[in-house]
């Protein structure tokens, strides 16, 4: 029978302790990563969804392929950019008028809300666009009149197919561009 000396016994005990610490640390790290991932999904779903922009209706403000963060909110002002559900898609448009406001679009594309022309520095080119509603138009209660920034190609509240956006359709207000890094910043 071979006898182990005290040095060999100590080395074997250290190896066993190290193995137990390794597995304990690995399990702890996995628990932390799962918790962080679950929290991130919860935040993204409930408070701050991240969306990808498709199409060119919001150019030059937003370009196709950009990733933007939205904040869940129901309180919007003229000029805010919002995302909303429409036919199993999420559309992105700018709030032009709120409940009870009167909207009129002249033949040259100038937008008037409650008889006052809007100052729209975010629009490169005014256009009457795809309009088939009767103007002037009063926005119904609980709804928002929205338009894309690229007015000549945007299908928005000027068209009966979309119309004014109901509060329950709204995903949130776009607040920050997060990708690409060169475009990172506030959505205006």
Protein backbone atom coordinates (compact mmCIF):
# COMPACT_ATOMS: atom_id res chain seq x y z
CA UNK A 1 0.00 0.00 0.00
CA UNK A 2 1.44 3.34 -1.06
CA UNK A 3 1.37 6.09 1.43
CA UNK A 4 0.87 9.70 0.39
CA UNK A 5 3.05 12.29 1.95
CA UNK A 6 1.56 15.48 3.38
CA UNK A 7 2.55 17.58 0.34
CA UNK A 8 0.67 15.27 -2.05
CA UNK A 9 -2.39 15.29 0.21
CA UNK A 10 -2.37 19.12 0.29
CA UNK A 11 -2.07 19.30 -3.52
CA UNK A 12 -4.97 16.89 -3.97
CA UNK A 13 -7.15 18.88 -1.53
CA UNK A 14 -6.29 22.16 -3.34
CA UNK A 15 -7.23 20.57 -6.68
CA UNK A 16 -10.62 19.42 -5.34
CA UNK A 17 -11.32 22.84 -3.76
CA UNK A 18 -10.35 24.61 -7.00
CA UNK A 19 -12.74 22.39 -8.99
CA UNK A 20 -15.63 23.17 -6.62
CA UNK A 21 -14.88 26.93 -6.80
CA UNK A 22 -14.71 26.79 -10.60
CA UNK A 23 -18.17 25.22 -10.93
CA UNK A 24 -19.64 27.55 -8.28
CA UNK A 25 -18.24 30.58 -10.15
CA UNK A 26 -19.47 29.28 -13.50
CA UNK A 27 -23.02 28.72 -12.17
CA UNK A 28 -23.05 32.16 -10.57
CA UNK A 29 -21.91 33.79 -13.84
CA UNK A 30 -24.62 31.97 -15.83
CA UNK A 31 -27.31 33.07 -13.33
CA UNK A 32 -26.15 36.69 -13.61
CA UNK A 33 -26.12 36.58 -17.44
CA UNK A 34 -29.62 35.05 -17.59
CA UNK A 35 -30.94 37.66 -15.14
CA UNK A 36 -29.39 40.54 -17.11
CA UNK A 37 -30.76 39.16 -20.41
CA UNK A 38 -34.25 38.77 -18.92
CA UNK A 39 -34.12 42.32 -17.54
CA UNK A 40 -32.97 43.69 -20.91
CA UNK A 41 -35.81 41.91 -22.71
CA UNK A 42 -38.31 43.21 -20.15
CA UNK A 43 -37.05 46.79 -20.56
CA UNK A 44 -37.08 46.52 -24.37
CA UNK A 45 -40.58 45.10 -24.39
CA UNK A 46 -42.27 47.24 -21.77
CA UNK A 47 -40.47 50.59 -21.70
CA UNK A 48 -37.97 51.12 -24.48
CA UNK A 49 -38.39 49.03 -27.63
CA UNK A 50 -35.64 49.13 -30.26
CA UNK A 51 -36.90 49.36 -33.85
CA UNK A 52 -35.32 49.19 -37.30
CA UNK A 53 -36.37 51.79 -39.88
CA UNK A 54 -37.66 50.42 -43.20
CA UNK A 55 -38.42 52.54 -46.25
CA UNK A 56 -37.76 56.17 -47.10
CA UNK A 57 -40.89 57.95 -45.84
CA UNK A 58 -38.99 59.62 -42.97
CA UNK A 59 -35.95 60.83 -44.96
CA UNK A 60 -33.93 62.93 -44.28
CA UNK A 61 -34.63 62.52 -40.53
CA UNK A 62 -34.33 58.73 -40.50
CA UNK A 63 -32.65 56.51 -43.08
CA UNK A 64 -33.51 52.92 -43.93
CA UNK A 65 -31.64 50.45 -41.72
CA UNK A 66 -31.15 52.76 -38.74
CA UNK A 67 -31.91 51.36 -35.30
CA UNK A 68 -33.86 53.66 -33.01
CA UNK A 69 -35.01 53.45 -29.40
CA UNK A 70 -38.57 54.40 -28.54
CA UNK A 71 -40.05 55.33 -25.18
CA UNK A 72 -43.53 54.08 -24.35
CA UNK A 73 -45.64 57.20 -23.97
CA UNK A 74 -49.10 58.45 -24.77
CA UNK A 75 -48.34 62.14 -24.53
CA UNK A 76 -47.19 63.59 -27.84
CA UNK A 77 -46.54 67.06 -29.16
CA UNK A 78 -46.49 68.36 -32.71
CA UNK A 79 -43.13 67.40 -34.21
CA UNK A 80 -42.59 64.20 -32.19
CA UNK A 81 -41.68 61.10 -34.20
CA UNK A 82 -43.73 58.05 -33.21
CA UNK A 83 -43.95 54.39 -34.15
CA UNK A 84 -47.33 52.69 -34.43
CA UNK A 85 -48.89 49.41 -35.51
CA UNK A 86 -50.63 49.26 -38.87
CA UNK A 87 -51.63 45.95 -40.54
CA UNK A 88 -49.09 43.85 -38.61
CA UNK A 89 -46.31 46.32 -39.43
CA UNK A 90 -44.76 49.11 -37.42
CA UNK A 91 -44.76 52.46 -39.20
CA UNK A 92 -42.76 55.54 -38.22
CA UNK A 93 -44.21 59.02 -38.81
CA UNK A 94 -44.18 62.52 -37.33
CA UNK A 95 -47.05 63.90 -35.23
CA UNK A 96 -48.62 66.85 -37.02
CA UNK A 97 -51.75 67.41 -34.94
CA UNK A 98 -53.55 65.99 -31.92
CA UNK A 99 -57.14 65.26 -30.98
CA UNK A 100 -59.56 68.05 -31.95
CA UNK A 101 -57.05 69.95 -34.12
CA UNK A 102 -57.90 71.04 -37.67
CA UNK A 103 -55.39 70.07 -40.37
CA UNK A 104 -55.23 71.52 -43.87
CA UNK A 105 -52.65 70.85 -46.60
CA UNK A 106 -52.44 73.34 -49.45
CA UNK A 107 -51.73 72.29 -53.03
CA UNK A 108 -48.07 73.32 -52.63
CA UNK A 109 -47.72 71.06 -49.56
CA UNK A 110 -47.82 73.70 -46.81
CA UNK A 111 -49.41 72.21 -43.69
CA UNK A 112 -51.67 74.35 -41.51
CA UNK A 113 -52.88 73.28 -38.08
CA UNK A 114 -55.75 75.28 -36.60
CA UNK A 115 -55.21 77.91 -39.29
CA UNK A 116 -51.48 78.39 -38.56
CA UNK A 117 -48.75 77.19 -40.95
CA UNK A 118 -46.37 74.67 -39.36
CA UNK A 119 -42.68 75.45 -39.18
CA UNK A 120 -41.18 72.21 -40.52
CA UNK A 121 -37.38 72.41 -40.71
CA UNK A 122 -37.23 68.60 -40.93
CA UNK A 123 -38.91 68.57 -44.37
CA UNK A 124 -36.62 69.05 -47.39
CA UNK A 125 -39.39 69.36 -49.97
CA UNK A 126 -43.08 70.17 -49.44
CA UNK A 127 -45.55 68.05 -51.38
CA UNK A 128 -49.29 67.47 -51.38
CA UNK A 129 -48.59 63.73 -51.59
CA UNK A 130 -51.02 60.82 -51.53
CA UNK A 131 -54.06 62.63 -50.12
CA UNK A 132 -57.59 61.29 -50.41
CA UNK A 133 -59.22 62.74 -47.27
CA UNK A 134 -61.46 65.79 -47.27
CA UNK A 135 -59.49 68.85 -46.15
CA UNK A 136 -59.61 70.68 -43.83
CA UNK A 137 -59.77 67.65 -41.55
CA UNK A 138 -60.57 67.57 -37.83
CA UNK A 139 -58.61 64.94 -35.89
CA UNK A 140 -60.99 62.72 -33.87
CA UNK A 141 -60.67 62.34 -30.09
CA UNK A 142 -58.02 59.87 -28.98
CA UNK A 143 -56.20 60.01 -32.33
CA UNK A 144 -53.11 61.65 -33.82
CA UNK A 145 -52.61 63.01 -37.34
CA UNK A 146 -49.20 61.85 -38.60
CA UNK A 147 -47.14 62.47 -41.74
CA UNK A 148 -43.79 61.26 -43.03
CA UNK A 149 -40.98 63.77 -43.58
CA UNK A 150 -40.53 62.72 -47.22
CA UNK A 151 -43.99 64.01 -48.14
CA UNK A 152 -44.04 63.01 -51.81
CA UNK A 153 -43.64 59.27 -51.05
CA UNK A 154 -45.14 58.92 -47.58
CA UNK A 155 -48.50 57.22 -47.13
CA UNK A 156 -49.82 58.57 -43.85
CA UNK A 157 -52.86 60.19 -42.21
CA UNK A 158 -53.56 62.08 -45.45
CA UNK A 159 -54.72 58.76 -46.88
CA UNK A 160 -57.90 57.00 -45.70
CA UNK A 161 -56.09 53.64 -45.70
CA UNK A 162 -54.03 54.76 -42.68
CA UNK A 163 -55.97 57.73 -41.33
CA UNK A 164 -55.34 59.21 -37.91
CA UNK A 165 -53.52 56.94 -35.46
CA UNK A 166 -55.36 55.72 -32.36
CA UNK A 167 -53.57 55.92 -29.02
CA UNK A 168 -53.71 52.13 -28.61
CA UNK A 169 -51.82 51.66 -31.91
CA UNK A 170 -48.81 53.66 -30.71
CA UNK A 171 -45.66 51.71 -29.84
CA UNK A 172 -43.85 54.79 -28.54
CA UNK A 173 -42.06 58.03 -29.22
CA UNK A 174 -38.70 57.67 -30.99
CA UNK A 175 -36.05 59.37 -28.91
CA UNK A 176 -32.61 58.12 -29.91
CA UNK A 177 -30.82 56.68 -32.94
CA UNK A 178 -28.46 53.94 -31.75
CA UNK A 179 -27.15 52.56 -35.05
CA UNK A 180 -25.17 53.30 -37.15
CA UNK A 181 -22.76 54.95 -34.77
CA UNK A 182 -22.22 57.86 -37.16
CA UNK A 183 -25.94 58.76 -36.81
CA UNK A 184 -26.15 58.19 -33.05
CA UNK A 185 -28.09 60.92 -31.30
CA UNK A 186 -31.53 62.31 -30.53
CA UNK A 187 -34.34 61.91 -33.04
CA UNK A 188 -35.61 65.36 -33.98
